[in-house]
Amino acid sequence: MGEVVAVSRGSAVRPSVTVGKLHGLFVDGKIDAKSLHGSTLRGLIADSWQRSLATGVNPDGEAPAATLALQTLRERHPLAPVMPTIRKLLVDDASESSGVMVAVGASDGTLLWVEGDSAARRRAETMNFMPGAVWSESAAGTNAPGTALALDREVQIRGSEHFARAAHRWSCTAVPIHDPTTRQPIGVLDVTGGVEVATPQTLALLRATAMAVEGQLAVLRLTGDGRPASRPVAGLHVLGAGRPTWVTHPDGGAPHVVPLTGRHADILVLLARHPEGLSGDHLALLLDEGDLDTVTVRAEMSRLRKAVGAQYLGSRPYRLLEPVDMDADAVATAVRSGAVGTALDRYPGPLLPNSIAPGVARLRTELSETLRAAVFETRDLRILRRWLDLPDGRDDQEGWLILHRHGGAGGRAEAGGHLAGLEIHLS
């Protein structure tokens, strides 16, 4: 990259200064917007950097998370019914080793789906480029989906043209999608990868896909089928000591309950928590850090399709094709809304307590610790007592100590006896 040149604010910038150097000089306050426009930097980028700085975007920060649950955002979004078309045109034929991701975002810049090369997606997650993150220009600075929405026009951003330093290794092309009736932007299509994605060919492909999507939305609007499902079509019960089950309501009738094997429950939980999808290699790693291979995963997925219905499971990557109401999500939603009592009502015990899959073990710990922290934050002894009655709380020494100190005569006696038992058990 060479030596960074010293430039004072407001002074001219030598044409030889690279985009990366210009970015550093600008975000460090060494040059101003006037100097940017006097350089070789594209005017679109200079304007976007200026807007990003004015709205307080941290070039070393990361995109924030959306305020609503991802599943809720997807269910409510008008692009949900046309996702099969987007996948067919942009995702399904992409090589797993292409290094390219396809993102679909809402009009506020929230990424709803990010699919494609799994290795690229894992790298992008380090800068929070993932479903549920907000990549509007005002939240994440100059980037193709966010700037395309800000300007309501197609945009290509290359490397150091991004405002966030973490995104400088990526290039991207994005095209807004418009409501077929009002012509207002309702979302954005984005392709992110290496320098090869910021080309005229990629832009032409995204334009054609956006036109196809808008055309399909118009047809769906006319036939009355243009809105996504209003509620999940299947249930997944994986909390507590009982056998995990998959529940559907065929034709709106009586529930159809499918008992699940441990491995199948593991897979469904992992797919539910990775709505963007998982490659065979990634799923194998989350199921077993040892010798599980993609051939075994493929065979398990085949058996799982027969058990729950092929219409619910997609491939390349493996993913859930329909909304799923998982009991663990209901607990997490209640905690986020501050309804800790409701969360305890919905929590009979840990997530798949007998599972040894590392990906599931992590989710189990996250949910249990999140609920525990929410219980303690209430400073309500009645809520605490309910937690201590759960399998997770029976050996919670800190919780029993709090009850012993503040629980009155009855609470002190019970807590004292329990603490004595714990001391023997742990000694």
Protein backbone atom coordinates (compact mmCIF):
# COMPACT_ATOMS: atom_id res chain seq x y z
CA MET A 1 0.00 0.00 0.00
CA GLY A 2 2.98 2.34 0.45
CA GLU A 3 3.51 5.18 2.87
CA VAL A 4 0.52 7.24 4.02
CA VAL A 5 0.90 10.82 2.87
CA ALA A 6 0.37 13.72 5.26
CA VAL A 7 -2.51 15.91 4.17
CA SER A 8 -4.03 18.79 6.11
CA ARG A 9 -7.76 19.37 6.28
CA GLY A 10 -9.06 21.21 3.27
CA SER A 11 -5.91 20.76 1.22
CA ALA A 12 -5.73 19.06 -2.15
CA VAL A 13 -5.12 15.32 -2.30
CA ARG A 14 -2.53 13.91 -4.69
CA PRO A 15 -4.08 11.71 -7.41
CA SER A 16 -1.78 8.85 -6.37
CA VAL A 17 -3.43 8.49 -2.96
CA THR A 18 -5.30 5.15 -2.86
CA VAL A 19 -8.90 4.72 -1.77
CA GLY A 20 -7.71 2.96 1.39
CA LYS A 21 -5.46 5.88 2.32
CA LEU A 22 -8.22 8.37 1.57
CA HIS A 23 -10.53 6.43 3.85
CA GLY A 24 -8.04 6.50 6.72
CA LEU A 25 -7.35 10.20 6.27
CA PHE A 26 -11.06 11.04 6.17
CA VAL A 27 -12.24 8.99 9.16
CA ASP A 28 -9.23 10.19 11.19
CA GLY A 29 -10.21 13.80 10.49
CA LYS A 30 -7.11 14.68 8.47
CA ILE A 31 -9.06 15.69 5.35
CA ASP A 32 -12.60 16.94 4.87
CA ALA A 33 -15.37 16.22 2.38
CA LYS A 34 -14.18 18.98 0.04
CA SER A 35 -10.83 17.22 -0.25
CA LEU A 36 -12.56 13.93 -1.00
CA HIS A 37 -14.45 15.49 -3.89
CA GLY A 38 -11.21 16.94 -5.18
CA SER A 39 -9.61 13.49 -5.29
CA THR A 40 -10.09 10.57 -7.67
CA LEU A 41 -12.66 8.98 -5.32
CA ARG A 42 -16.04 8.39 -6.94
CA GLY A 43 -18.52 11.12 -6.03
CA LEU A 44 -21.08 8.51 -4.94
CA ILE A 45 -18.61 7.15 -2.39
CA ALA A 46 -17.49 10.58 -1.18
CA ASP A 47 -21.11 11.57 -0.56
CA SER A 48 -21.83 8.31 1.22
CA TRP A 49 -18.76 8.60 3.46
CA GLN A 50 -19.87 12.11 4.38
CA ARG A 51 -23.38 10.88 5.26
CA SER A 52 -21.92 7.97 7.25
CA LEU A 53 -19.69 10.27 9.27
CA ALA A 54 -22.51 12.77 9.83
CA THR A 55 -24.81 10.07 11.24
CA GLY A 56 -22.15 8.91 13.69
CA VAL A 57 -21.26 5.53 12.16
CA ASN A 58 -18.16 4.06 13.79
CA PRO A 59 -15.79 2.85 11.03
CA ASP A 60 -14.41 0.28 13.49
CA GLY A 61 -17.81 -0.85 14.78
CA GLU A 62 -20.19 -3.46 13.45
CA ALA A 63 -23.73 -3.45 12.13
CA PRO A 64 -26.35 -3.58 14.93
CA ALA A 65 -28.99 -6.28 15.33
CA ALA A 66 -32.64 -5.70 14.45
CA THR A 67 -35.06 -5.02 17.29
CA LEU A 68 -37.53 -7.75 16.28
CA ALA A 69 -36.90 -11.49 16.09
CA LEU A 70 -35.64 -12.62 12.68
CA GLN A 71 -38.43 -15.15 12.19
CA THR A 72 -41.03 -12.45 12.83
CA LEU A 73 -39.36 -10.11 10.33
CA ARG A 74 -39.31 -12.83 7.68
CA GLU A 75 -42.91 -13.85 8.21
CA ARG A 76 -44.09 -10.27 7.84
CA HIS A 77 -41.99 -9.38 4.80
CA PRO A 78 -43.53 -9.25 1.31
CA LEU A 79 -40.43 -10.89 -0.25
CA ALA A 80 -40.96 -14.14 1.70
CA PRO A 81 -43.23 -15.70 -0.99
CA VAL A 82 -40.68 -15.04 -3.77
CA MET A 83 -37.62 -16.41 -2.01
CA PRO A 84 -37.80 -19.66 -4.07
CA THR A 85 -37.43 -17.53 -7.22
CA ILE A 86 -34.47 -15.62 -5.80
CA ARG A 87 -32.79 -18.87 -4.78
CA LYS A 88 -33.36 -20.43 -8.19
CA LEU A 89 -31.92 -17.44 -10.06
CA LEU A 90 -29.05 -16.50 -7.74
CA VAL A 91 -28.28 -19.17 -5.14
CA ASP A 92 -28.95 -22.73 -6.25
CA ASP A 93 -26.42 -22.84 -9.10
CA ALA A 94 -23.64 -21.12 -7.15
CA SER A 95 -20.68 -23.30 -6.28
CA GLU A 96 -20.13 -24.04 -2.58
CA SER A 97 -16.54 -22.87 -3.11
CA SER A 98 -17.44 -19.73 -5.06
CA GLY A 99 -16.77 -17.33 -2.19
CA VAL A 100 -20.00 -15.53 -3.08
CA MET A 101 -22.98 -14.74 -0.84
CA VAL A 102 -26.48 -13.63 -1.81
CA ALA A 103 -28.26 -11.38 0.68
CA VAL A 104 -31.88 -10.25 0.70
CA GLY A 105 -32.68 -7.26 2.88
CA ALA A 106 -35.73 -5.32 4.01
CA SER A 107 -36.27 -1.65 3.14
CA ASP A 108 -34.72 -0.59 6.47
CA GLY A 109 -31.50 -2.43 5.64
CA THR A 110 -32.11 -5.46 7.88
CA LEU A 111 -30.64 -8.58 6.27
CA LEU A 112 -33.37 -11.23 6.20
CA TRP A 113 -31.57 -13.99 4.30
CA VAL A 114 -27.86 -14.50 3.60
CA GLU A 115 -27.14 -17.63 1.56
CA GLY A 116 -24.43 -19.04 -0.68
CA ASP A 117 -20.88 -20.21 0.04
CA SER A 118 -20.82 -21.33 3.68
CA ALA A 119 -17.13 -20.50 4.18
CA ALA A 120 -17.71 -16.96 2.95
CA ARG A 121 -20.74 -16.62 5.24
CA ARG A 122 -18.70 -17.69 8.26
CA ARG A 123 -16.04 -15.09 7.41
CA ALA A 124 -18.69 -12.42 6.92
CA GLU A 125 -20.25 -13.20 10.29
CA THR A 126 -17.12 -11.78 11.94
CA MET A 127 -18.30 -8.33 10.82
CA ASN A 128 -21.96 -9.20 11.60
CA PHE A 129 -22.96 -9.54 7.95
CA MET A 130 -25.62 -12.12 8.72
CA PRO A 131 -29.40 -12.50 8.95
CA GLY A 132 -30.89 -10.16 11.54
CA ALA A 133 -28.15 -7.51 11.27
CA VAL A 134 -29.02 -4.00 10.07
CA TRP A 135 -26.86 -2.90 7.13
CA SER A 136 -28.57 0.38 6.34
CA GLU A 137 -26.15 3.16 5.43
CA SER A 138 -27.06 5.06 8.60
CA ALA A 139 -26.24 2.01 10.75
CA ALA A 140 -23.27 0.41 8.97
CA GLY A 141 -21.93 3.16 6.73
CA THR A 142 -21.24 2.91 3.01
CA ASN A 143 -22.13 -0.58 1.73
CA ALA A 144 -23.95 -1.83 -1.35
CA PRO A 145 -27.32 -2.89 0.13
CA GLY A 146 -27.50 0.06 2.52
CA THR A 147 -26.40 2.69 0.01
CA ALA A 148 -28.63 1.21 -2.71
CA LEU A 149 -31.59 1.70 -0.37
CA ALA A 150 -30.44 5.17 0.68
CA LEU A 151 -30.24 6.31 -2.96
CA ASP A 152 -32.94 3.98 -4.36
CA ARG A 153 -30.60 2.94 -7.15
CA GLU A 154 -28.25 0.11 -8.05
CA VAL A 155 -24.84 0.38 -6.41
CA GLN A 156 -21.46 -1.38 -6.60
CA ILE A 157 -18.98 -0.94 -3.74
CA ARG A 158 -15.40 -2.18 -4.05
CA GLY A 159 -13.10 -3.01 -1.13
CA SER A 160 -11.91 0.12 0.69
CA GLU A 161 -14.88 2.12 -0.61
CA HIS A 162 -16.82 0.65 2.32
CA PHE A 163 -17.00 2.96 5.34
CA ALA A 164 -16.52 0.14 7.86
CA ARG A 165 -12.93 -1.08 7.89
CA ALA A 166 -14.05 -4.66 8.55
CA ALA A 167 -15.75 -4.69 5.14
CA HIS A 168 -12.67 -3.59 3.17
CA ARG A 169 -11.89 -7.19 2.19
CA TRP A 170 -15.25 -7.49 0.39
CA SER A 171 -16.86 -6.10 -2.75
CA CYS A 172 -20.58 -6.07 -3.42
CA THR A 173 -23.34 -5.23 -5.89
CA ALA A 174 -26.90 -4.38 -4.84
CA VAL A 175 -30.19 -3.52 -6.55
CA PRO A 176 -33.36 -2.29 -4.79
CA ILE A 177 -36.63 -4.19 -5.18
CA HIS A 178 -39.81 -2.12 -5.53
CA ASP A 179 -43.45 -2.68 -4.72
CA PRO A 180 -45.13 -3.40 -8.10
CA THR A 181 -48.00 -1.02 -7.29
CA THR A 182 -46.50 1.90 -5.37
CA ARG A 183 -42.95 1.58 -6.79
CA GLN A 184 -41.62 2.26 -3.29
CA PRO A 185 -38.54 0.21 -2.28
CA ILE A 186 -39.52 -2.83 -0.21
CA GLY A 187 -36.15 -4.57 -0.11
CA VAL A 188 -32.79 -5.08 -1.72
CA LEU A 189 -30.85 -7.85 -3.49
CA ASP A 190 -27.13 -8.03 -2.82
CA VAL A 191 -24.25 -10.18 -4.02
CA THR A 192 -21.12 -10.00 -1.86
CA GLY A 193 -17.74 -11.63 -2.41
CA GLY A 194 -14.40 -10.76 -3.95
CA VAL A 195 -13.64 -8.18 -6.63
CA GLU A 196 -15.34 -10.39 -9.23
CA VAL A 197 -18.83 -9.54 -7.90
CA ALA A 198 -18.51 -5.80 -8.62
CA THR A 199 -18.74 -6.30 -12.39
CA PRO A 200 -21.23 -5.34 -15.13
CA GLN A 201 -22.19 -9.01 -15.47
CA THR A 202 -23.19 -9.27 -11.80
CA LEU A 203 -25.14 -6.04 -12.04
CA ALA A 204 -27.01 -7.30 -15.11
CA LEU A 205 -27.89 -10.55 -13.31
CA LEU A 206 -29.20 -8.67 -10.26
CA ARG A 207 -31.25 -6.31 -12.44
CA ALA A 208 -32.85 -9.26 -14.21
CA THR A 209 -33.58 -11.00 -10.91
CA ALA A 210 -35.12 -7.86 -9.42
CA MET A 211 -37.37 -7.49 -12.48
CA ALA A 212 -38.42 -11.15 -12.22
CA VAL A 213 -39.18 -10.77 -8.50
CA GLU A 214 -41.21 -7.61 -9.02
CA GLY A 215 -43.14 -9.33 -11.82
CA GLN A 216 -43.90 -12.33 -9.63
CA LEU A 217 -45.03 -10.04 -6.80
CA ALA A 218 -47.46 -8.37 -9.20
CA VAL A 219 -48.92 -11.74 -10.21
CA LEU A 220 -49.21 -12.85 -6.59
CA ARG A 221 -50.92 -9.58 -5.75
CA LEU A 222 -53.53 -10.25 -8.44
CA THR A 223 -54.16 -13.84 -7.34
CA GLY A 224 -54.33 -12.95 -3.66
CA ASP A 225 -51.33 -15.11 -2.77
CA GLY A 226 -48.84 -12.32 -2.28
CA ARG A 227 -48.53 -12.35 1.49
CA PRO A 228 -46.37 -14.75 3.51
CA ALA A 229 -47.85 -17.19 6.00
CA SER A 230 -49.23 -15.37 9.04
CA ARG A 231 -48.12 -18.04 11.49
CA PRO A 232 -45.71 -20.95 11.66
CA VAL A 233 -46.95 -24.14 9.99
CA ALA A 234 -45.02 -26.56 12.21
CA GLY A 235 -44.00 -26.82 15.84
CA LEU A 236 -40.77 -28.12 17.34
CA HIS A 237 -40.82 -29.12 21.02
CA VAL A 238 -37.32 -29.64 22.37
CA LEU A 239 -37.33 -28.34 25.96
CA GLY A 240 -37.27 -30.53 29.04
CA ALA A 241 -36.81 -34.21 29.66
CA GLY A 242 -39.60 -35.50 27.41
CA ARG A 243 -39.02 -36.91 23.94
CA PRO A 244 -38.64 -34.15 21.33
CA THR A 245 -41.49 -33.92 18.83
CA TRP A 246 -42.40 -32.32 15.50
CA VAL A 247 -46.03 -31.17 15.29
CA THR A 248 -48.05 -30.15 12.22
CA HIS A 249 -51.75 -29.45 11.64
CA PRO A 250 -52.67 -31.01 8.29
CA ASP A 251 -55.47 -29.04 6.61
CA GLY A 252 -55.98 -27.16 9.86
CA GLY A 253 -57.21 -30.28 11.62
CA ALA A 254 -56.00 -32.28 14.60
CA PRO A 255 -52.27 -32.07 15.32
CA HIS A 256 -50.00 -34.68 13.78
CA VAL A 257 -47.20 -35.46 16.24
CA VAL A 258 -43.95 -37.05 15.06
CA PRO A 259 -41.57 -38.28 17.80
CA LEU A 260 -37.99 -37.43 16.86
CA THR A 261 -34.76 -39.30 17.30
CA GLY A 262 -32.03 -37.42 19.14
CA ARG A 263 -30.05 -36.82 15.95
CA HIS A 264 -33.09 -35.57 14.05
CA ALA A 265 -33.98 -33.21 16.90
CA ASP A 266 -30.41 -31.91 16.89
CA ILE A 267 -30.60 -31.21 13.16
CA LEU A 268 -33.94 -29.40 13.35
CA VAL A 269 -32.80 -27.22 16.25
CA LEU A 270 -29.62 -26.27 14.41
CA LEU A 271 -31.50 -25.46 11.21
CA ALA A 272 -34.06 -23.43 13.16
CA ARG A 273 -31.24 -21.38 14.71
CA HIS A 274 -29.41 -21.01 11.36
CA PRO A 275 -32.23 -19.86 9.07
CA GLU A 276 -29.68 -18.82 6.44
CA GLY A 277 -28.90 -22.53 6.03
CA LEU A 278 -25.92 -24.80 6.73
CA SER A 279 -23.58 -26.65 4.40
CA GLY A 280 -23.05 -30.36 4.96
CA ASP A 281 -19.59 -29.72 6.42
CA HIS A 282 -20.81 -27.03 8.80
CA LEU A 283 -23.78 -29.10 9.94
CA ALA A 284 -21.51 -32.12 10.53
CA LEU A 285 -19.21 -29.99 12.69
CA LEU A 286 -22.12 -28.68 14.76
CA LEU A 287 -23.42 -32.21 15.26
CA ASP A 288 -20.11 -33.88 16.09
CA GLU A 289 -16.60 -32.43 16.30
CA GLY A 290 -15.18 -35.90 15.69
CA ASP A 291 -15.58 -38.19 12.69
CA LEU A 292 -19.04 -37.32 11.34
CA ASP A 293 -18.82 -36.88 7.56
CA THR A 294 -21.08 -35.29 4.97
CA VAL A 295 -22.18 -38.70 3.65
CA THR A 296 -23.64 -39.53 7.07
CA VAL A 297 -25.26 -36.09 7.27
CA ARG A 298 -26.80 -36.59 3.83
CA ALA A 299 -28.24 -39.93 4.91
CA GLU A 300 -29.67 -38.44 8.11
CA MET A 301 -31.26 -35.59 6.14
CA SER A 302 -32.87 -38.14 3.82
CA ARG A 303 -34.35 -40.01 6.80
CA LEU A 304 -35.45 -36.72 8.38
CA ARG A 305 -37.32 -35.69 5.22
CA LYS A 306 -39.23 -38.96 5.34
CA ALA A 307 -40.07 -38.42 9.00
CA VAL A 308 -41.29 -34.81 8.95
CA GLY A 309 -42.06 -34.17 5.27
CA ALA A 310 -39.80 -33.17 2.39
CA GLN A 311 -41.69 -29.90 1.94
CA TYR A 312 -40.11 -28.54 5.13
CA LEU A 313 -36.44 -29.14 4.29
CA GLY A 314 -34.28 -27.63 1.58
CA SER A 315 -30.74 -28.34 0.49
CA ARG A 316 -27.71 -26.45 -0.87
CA PRO A 317 -27.58 -25.30 1.85
CA TYR A 318 -29.64 -27.43 4.24
CA ARG A 319 -32.39 -25.19 5.59
CA LEU A 320 -35.98 -25.02 6.80
CA LEU A 321 -38.36 -23.98 4.03
CA GLU A 322 -41.33 -23.12 6.25
CA PRO A 323 -41.74 -21.13 9.49
CA VAL A 324 -41.29 -23.31 12.56
CA ASP A 325 -42.58 -22.47 16.03
CA MET A 326 -39.86 -23.78 18.39
CA ASP A 327 -40.64 -23.76 22.11
CA ALA A 328 -37.12 -22.56 22.91
CA ASP A 329 -37.74 -19.45 20.80
CA ALA A 330 -40.87 -18.66 22.81
CA VAL A 331 -38.75 -18.60 25.98
CA ALA A 332 -36.14 -16.35 24.40
CA THR A 333 -38.83 -14.00 23.07
CA ALA A 334 -40.43 -13.71 26.50
CA VAL A 335 -37.05 -12.89 28.07
CA ARG A 336 -36.37 -10.20 25.46
CA SER A 337 -39.72 -8.58 26.17
CA GLY A 338 -39.04 -8.57 29.93
CA ALA A 339 -41.75 -11.14 30.70
CA VAL A 340 -39.54 -13.35 32.89
CA GLY A 341 -42.48 -15.05 34.59
CA THR A 342 -43.88 -16.02 31.20
CA ALA A 343 -40.47 -17.30 30.15
CA LEU A 344 -40.39 -19.56 33.23
CA ASP A 345 -43.91 -20.78 32.42
CA ARG A 346 -42.66 -21.88 29.01
CA TYR A 347 -39.42 -23.45 30.23
CA PRO A 348 -39.83 -27.00 31.58
CA GLY A 349 -36.10 -27.64 31.43
CA PRO A 350 -32.98 -27.43 29.25
CA LEU A 351 -32.89 -27.63 25.48
CA LEU A 352 -32.39 -31.28 24.43
CA PRO A 353 -30.70 -32.15 27.75
CA ASN A 354 -29.37 -35.49 26.48
CA SER A 355 -27.80 -34.10 23.32
CA ILE A 356 -24.01 -34.14 23.06
CA ALA A 357 -23.91 -32.25 19.75
CA PRO A 358 -21.57 -29.27 20.31
CA GLY A 359 -23.82 -26.86 18.40
CA VAL A 360 -26.82 -27.87 20.49
CA ALA A 361 -24.83 -27.76 23.73
CA ARG A 362 -23.93 -24.16 22.99
CA LEU A 363 -27.55 -23.21 22.31
CA ARG A 364 -28.65 -25.04 25.47
CA THR A 365 -26.15 -23.11 27.59
CA GLU A 366 -27.04 -19.79 25.96
CA LEU A 367 -30.75 -20.20 26.64
CA SER A 368 -30.29 -21.41 30.21
CA GLU A 369 -27.82 -18.66 31.11
CA THR A 370 -29.94 -15.99 29.44
CA LEU A 371 -32.98 -17.05 31.46
CA ARG A 372 -30.94 -17.27 34.65
CA ALA A 373 -29.55 -13.76 34.17
CA ALA A 374 -33.05 -12.41 33.56
CA VAL A 375 -34.30 -14.10 36.74
CA PHE A 376 -31.52 -12.58 38.84
CA GLU A 377 -32.07 -9.12 37.33
CA THR A 378 -35.69 -9.09 38.54
CA ARG A 379 -34.54 -9.22 42.20
CA ASP A 380 -37.88 -10.94 42.82
CA LEU A 381 -37.60 -13.83 45.31
CA ARG A 382 -40.74 -15.47 43.97
CA ILE A 383 -39.24 -15.53 40.46
CA LEU A 384 -35.95 -16.77 41.90
CA ARG A 385 -37.72 -19.56 43.78
CA ARG A 386 -39.35 -20.76 40.58
CA TRP A 387 -35.93 -20.84 38.89
CA LEU A 388 -34.47 -22.90 41.74
CA ASP A 389 -37.22 -25.49 41.24
CA LEU A 390 -36.10 -26.08 37.65
CA PRO A 391 -33.46 -28.67 36.73
CA ASP A 392 -31.09 -25.82 35.82
CA GLY A 393 -31.51 -24.15 39.20
CA ARG A 394 -31.33 -27.06 41.59
CA ASP A 395 -27.55 -26.78 41.89
CA ASP A 396 -27.40 -22.99 41.51
CA GLN A 397 -25.37 -22.18 44.62
CA GLU A 398 -25.56 -18.42 44.09
CA GLY A 399 -29.33 -18.53 43.84
CA TRP A 400 -29.71 -20.59 46.99
CA LEU A 401 -27.37 -18.20 48.83
CA ILE A 402 -29.58 -15.26 47.86
CA LEU A 403 -32.67 -17.12 49.08
CA HIS A 404 -30.86 -17.97 52.31
CA ARG A 405 -30.01 -14.31 52.95
CA HIS A 406 -33.30 -12.72 51.96
CA GLY A 407 -35.96 -15.41 51.94
CA GLY A 408 -37.30 -15.06 55.48
CA ALA A 409 -37.38 -17.84 58.06
CA GLY A 410 -38.86 -20.48 55.76
CA GLY A 411 -36.61 -19.56 52.86
CA ARG A 412 -33.51 -19.55 55.06
CA ALA A 413 -34.28 -22.99 56.43
CA GLU A 414 -34.92 -24.58 53.05
CA ALA A 415 -31.97 -22.83 51.42
CA GLY A 416 -29.67 -23.77 54.29
CA GLY A 417 -30.52 -27.43 53.94
CA HIS A 418 -30.07 -27.30 50.18
CA LEU A 419 -26.72 -25.52 50.48
CA ALA A 420 -25.53 -28.15 52.94
CA GLY A 421 -26.41 -30.86 50.46
CA LEU A 422 -24.65 -29.01 47.68
CA GLU A 423 -21.51 -28.65 49.78
CA ILE A 424 -21.38 -32.39 50.36
CA HIS A 425 -22.04 -33.06 46.68
CA LEU A 426 -19.33 -30.67 45.49
CA SER A 427 -16.70 -31.66 48.08
